[in-house]
Amino acid sequence: MLKKAIVACVLFGLATPARSDDGNDCFAKRGEAAMASCDRVIESAQTSRADLATALTNRGQQFYERKEYDRALEDFSASIALMPKGYPLAYANRGNCYFAKGDDIKAIENYSKAIELFPTPHPASHTARGILYQKAGQLKKARADYEAALAGKSKCADDQWAHDTARERLKAMKAD
């Protein structure tokens, strides 16, 4: 659906040119300001495939933060379709949506793909997948994910959550 809308805008000359700072604003800002910048990047005929994937993922994050999970899933999936192996954060974020929606199997699949594609351990994906494994009673897998989360560092804002949660979960597992 999104691809059709983008193609229609380009074909009919309705694409909005992105401002030079829209890419940065799409990533750095939150809320409506980020959404507007991401929309302009997505709608621009000059946007590269990689920048389009990034903008879709960033806009998807805004939808996720609003708890509009289905819209977020659309953007994350469109980003993945553009760059199936080049943008692991889209998989991690799609995993978060499935986690929030209670679809543990799809969440684990997406976290696993993100973990496979990230060049170094991604603490948040390991911790989230560990929580789901623990919930399913797969304690060895959960423990391994929590330990991987503690060993990893990324540039993502949720590293602190991932490390704290993994540490707490491991401590609780030892007490049991």
Protein backbone atom coordinates (compact mmCIF):
# COMPACT_ATOMS: atom_id res chain seq x y z
CA MET A 1 0.00 0.00 0.00
CA LEU A 2 2.76 2.44 0.99
CA LYS A 3 4.77 1.58 -2.13
CA LYS A 4 1.76 2.37 -4.32
CA ALA A 5 1.33 5.73 -2.63
CA ILE A 6 4.98 6.59 -3.13
CA VAL A 7 4.88 5.53 -6.77
CA ALA A 8 1.70 7.54 -7.34
CA CYS A 9 3.28 10.67 -5.87
CA VAL A 10 6.35 10.30 -8.05
CA LEU A 11 4.37 9.55 -11.21
CA PHE A 12 2.08 12.49 -10.82
CA GLY A 13 4.74 14.92 -9.71
CA LEU A 14 3.23 15.34 -6.27
CA ALA A 15 6.30 14.30 -4.35
CA THR A 16 7.25 16.85 -1.74
CA PRO A 17 10.92 17.80 -1.88
CA ALA A 18 12.70 17.01 1.35
CA ARG A 19 14.49 19.85 3.10
CA SER A 20 18.20 19.36 3.65
CA ASP A 21 17.74 18.80 7.40
CA ASP A 22 14.72 16.45 7.16
CA GLY A 23 16.82 13.30 7.34
CA ASN A 24 18.43 14.45 10.58
CA ASP A 25 15.14 15.74 12.01
CA CYS A 26 13.37 12.49 11.15
CA PHE A 27 15.94 10.66 13.27
CA ALA A 28 16.67 13.17 16.04
CA LYS A 29 13.29 14.70 16.80
CA ARG A 30 10.22 13.11 18.40
CA GLY A 31 6.50 13.38 17.80
CA GLU A 32 4.91 15.50 15.11
CA ALA A 33 8.15 17.26 14.13
CA ALA A 34 9.81 13.91 13.45
CA MET A 35 6.75 12.59 11.62
CA ALA A 36 6.61 15.61 9.31
CA SER A 37 10.31 15.33 8.47
CA CYS A 38 10.07 11.57 7.92
CA ASP A 39 7.02 12.06 5.67
CA ARG A 40 8.92 14.53 3.50
CA VAL A 41 11.90 12.18 3.18
CA ILE A 42 9.60 9.25 2.34
CA GLU A 43 7.65 11.27 -0.24
CA SER A 44 10.67 12.83 -1.93
CA ALA A 45 11.63 11.48 -5.35
CA GLN A 46 15.28 12.22 -4.52
CA THR A 47 15.44 9.92 -1.50
CA SER A 48 17.87 7.02 -1.83
CA ARG A 49 16.80 3.47 -1.04
CA ALA A 50 18.89 3.45 2.16
CA ASP A 51 17.54 6.83 3.31
CA LEU A 52 13.99 5.70 2.56
CA ALA A 53 14.50 2.56 4.68
CA THR A 54 15.89 4.70 7.51
CA ALA A 55 13.01 7.20 7.32
CA LEU A 56 10.42 4.41 7.31
CA THR A 57 12.04 2.86 10.37
CA ASN A 58 12.21 6.20 12.16
CA ARG A 59 8.57 7.02 11.33
CA GLY A 60 7.61 3.51 12.42
CA GLN A 61 9.25 4.22 15.77
CA GLN A 62 7.06 7.29 16.15
CA PHE A 63 3.96 5.17 15.48
CA TYR A 64 5.23 2.57 17.97
CA GLU A 65 5.65 5.23 20.66
CA ARG A 66 2.02 6.27 20.01
CA LYS A 67 1.01 2.60 20.41
CA GLU A 68 -0.15 2.55 16.78
CA TYR A 69 1.41 -0.87 16.32
CA ASP A 70 -0.21 -1.80 13.02
CA ARG A 71 0.99 1.41 11.36
CA ALA A 72 4.44 0.91 12.87
CA LEU A 73 4.50 -2.66 11.53
CA GLU A 74 3.69 -1.35 8.05
CA ASP A 75 6.64 1.03 8.12
CA PHE A 76 9.07 -1.49 9.62
CA SER A 77 8.01 -4.09 7.06
CA ALA A 78 8.38 -1.61 4.19
CA SER A 79 11.87 -0.73 5.45
CA ILE A 80 12.80 -4.42 5.59
CA ALA A 81 11.45 -4.95 2.06
CA LEU A 82 13.77 -2.20 0.83
CA MET A 83 16.86 -3.43 2.71
CA PRO A 84 16.29 -6.99 3.97
CA LYS A 85 19.85 -7.41 5.25
CA GLY A 86 20.97 -3.84 5.59
CA TYR A 87 18.89 -2.42 8.40
CA PRO A 88 18.66 -4.72 11.46
CA LEU A 89 17.03 -2.03 13.63
CA ALA A 90 13.85 -2.42 11.57
CA TYR A 91 13.70 -6.08 12.62
CA ALA A 92 14.34 -5.20 16.26
CA ASN A 93 11.63 -2.54 16.20
CA ARG A 94 9.21 -4.87 14.42
CA GLY A 95 9.95 -7.39 17.17
CA ASN A 96 8.97 -4.75 19.73
CA CYS A 97 5.62 -4.28 18.00
CA TYR A 98 4.90 -7.99 17.97
CA PHE A 99 5.99 -8.18 21.62
CA ALA A 100 3.55 -5.37 22.50
CA LYS A 101 0.78 -7.10 20.54
CA GLY A 102 1.42 -10.39 22.38
CA ASP A 103 2.64 -12.31 19.31
CA ASP A 104 5.63 -13.93 20.99
CA ILE A 105 6.55 -16.19 18.07
CA LYS A 106 6.80 -13.33 15.56
CA ALA A 107 8.61 -11.21 18.14
CA ILE A 108 11.23 -13.93 18.68
CA GLU A 109 11.63 -14.37 14.90
CA ASN A 110 12.27 -10.66 14.43
CA TYR A 111 14.63 -10.33 17.40
CA SER A 112 16.53 -13.37 16.11
CA LYS A 113 16.90 -11.80 12.66
CA ALA A 114 18.06 -8.51 14.20
CA ILE A 115 20.61 -10.36 16.34
CA GLU A 116 21.84 -12.21 13.23
CA LEU A 117 22.27 -8.98 11.25
CA PHE A 118 23.71 -6.63 13.87
CA PRO A 119 27.52 -6.59 13.60
CA THR A 120 27.87 -6.76 17.41
CA PRO A 121 25.47 -8.06 20.07
CA HIS A 122 22.38 -5.86 20.32
CA PRO A 123 21.53 -5.77 24.03
CA ALA A 124 17.86 -4.79 23.64
CA SER A 125 17.09 -7.57 21.15
CA HIS A 126 18.84 -10.14 23.35
CA THR A 127 17.05 -8.98 26.49
CA ALA A 128 13.62 -8.84 24.87
CA ARG A 129 14.06 -12.27 23.30
CA GLY A 130 15.35 -13.55 26.66
CA ILE A 131 12.17 -12.34 28.35
CA LEU A 132 10.08 -14.24 25.82
CA TYR A 133 12.19 -17.39 26.17
CA GLN A 134 11.87 -17.15 29.95
CA LYS A 135 8.11 -16.72 29.62
CA ALA A 136 8.03 -19.88 27.48
CA GLY A 137 10.05 -21.81 30.08
CA GLN A 138 13.17 -22.01 27.88
CA LEU A 139 15.49 -20.95 30.67
CA LYS A 140 18.81 -21.96 29.06
CA LYS A 141 18.02 -19.81 26.02
CA ALA A 142 16.83 -16.96 28.25
CA ARG A 143 20.01 -17.08 30.33
CA ALA A 144 22.19 -17.11 27.19
CA ASP A 145 20.35 -14.06 25.83
CA TYR A 146 20.66 -12.14 29.10
CA GLU A 147 24.38 -12.88 29.22
CA ALA A 148 24.79 -11.78 25.58
CA ALA A 149 22.90 -8.58 26.39
CA LEU A 150 25.27 -7.80 29.24
CA ALA A 151 28.29 -8.45 27.01
CA GLY A 152 27.03 -6.18 24.25
CA LYS A 153 27.07 -2.45 23.72
CA SER A 154 25.32 -0.52 21.00
CA LYS A 155 24.57 3.07 20.16
CA CYS A 156 20.89 2.56 20.92
CA ALA A 157 19.14 4.50 23.64
CA ASP A 158 17.67 1.35 25.18
CA ASP A 159 21.02 -0.19 26.18
CA GLN A 160 20.57 0.89 29.80
CA TRP A 161 17.16 -0.78 29.96
CA ALA A 162 18.56 -3.91 28.31
CA HIS A 163 21.51 -4.19 30.71
CA ASP A 164 19.48 -3.43 33.84
CA THR A 165 16.70 -5.83 32.88
CA ALA A 166 19.11 -8.63 31.90
CA ARG A 167 20.99 -8.22 35.18
CA GLU A 168 17.75 -8.29 37.22
CA ARG A 169 16.43 -11.33 35.35
CA LEU A 170 19.67 -13.29 35.77
CA LYS A 171 19.72 -12.47 39.48
CA ALA A 172 16.12 -13.65 39.85
CA MET A 173 16.88 -16.85 37.92
CA LYS A 174 19.78 -17.64 40.31
CA ALA A 175 17.49 -17.12 43.30
CA ASP A 176 14.97 -19.65 41.96
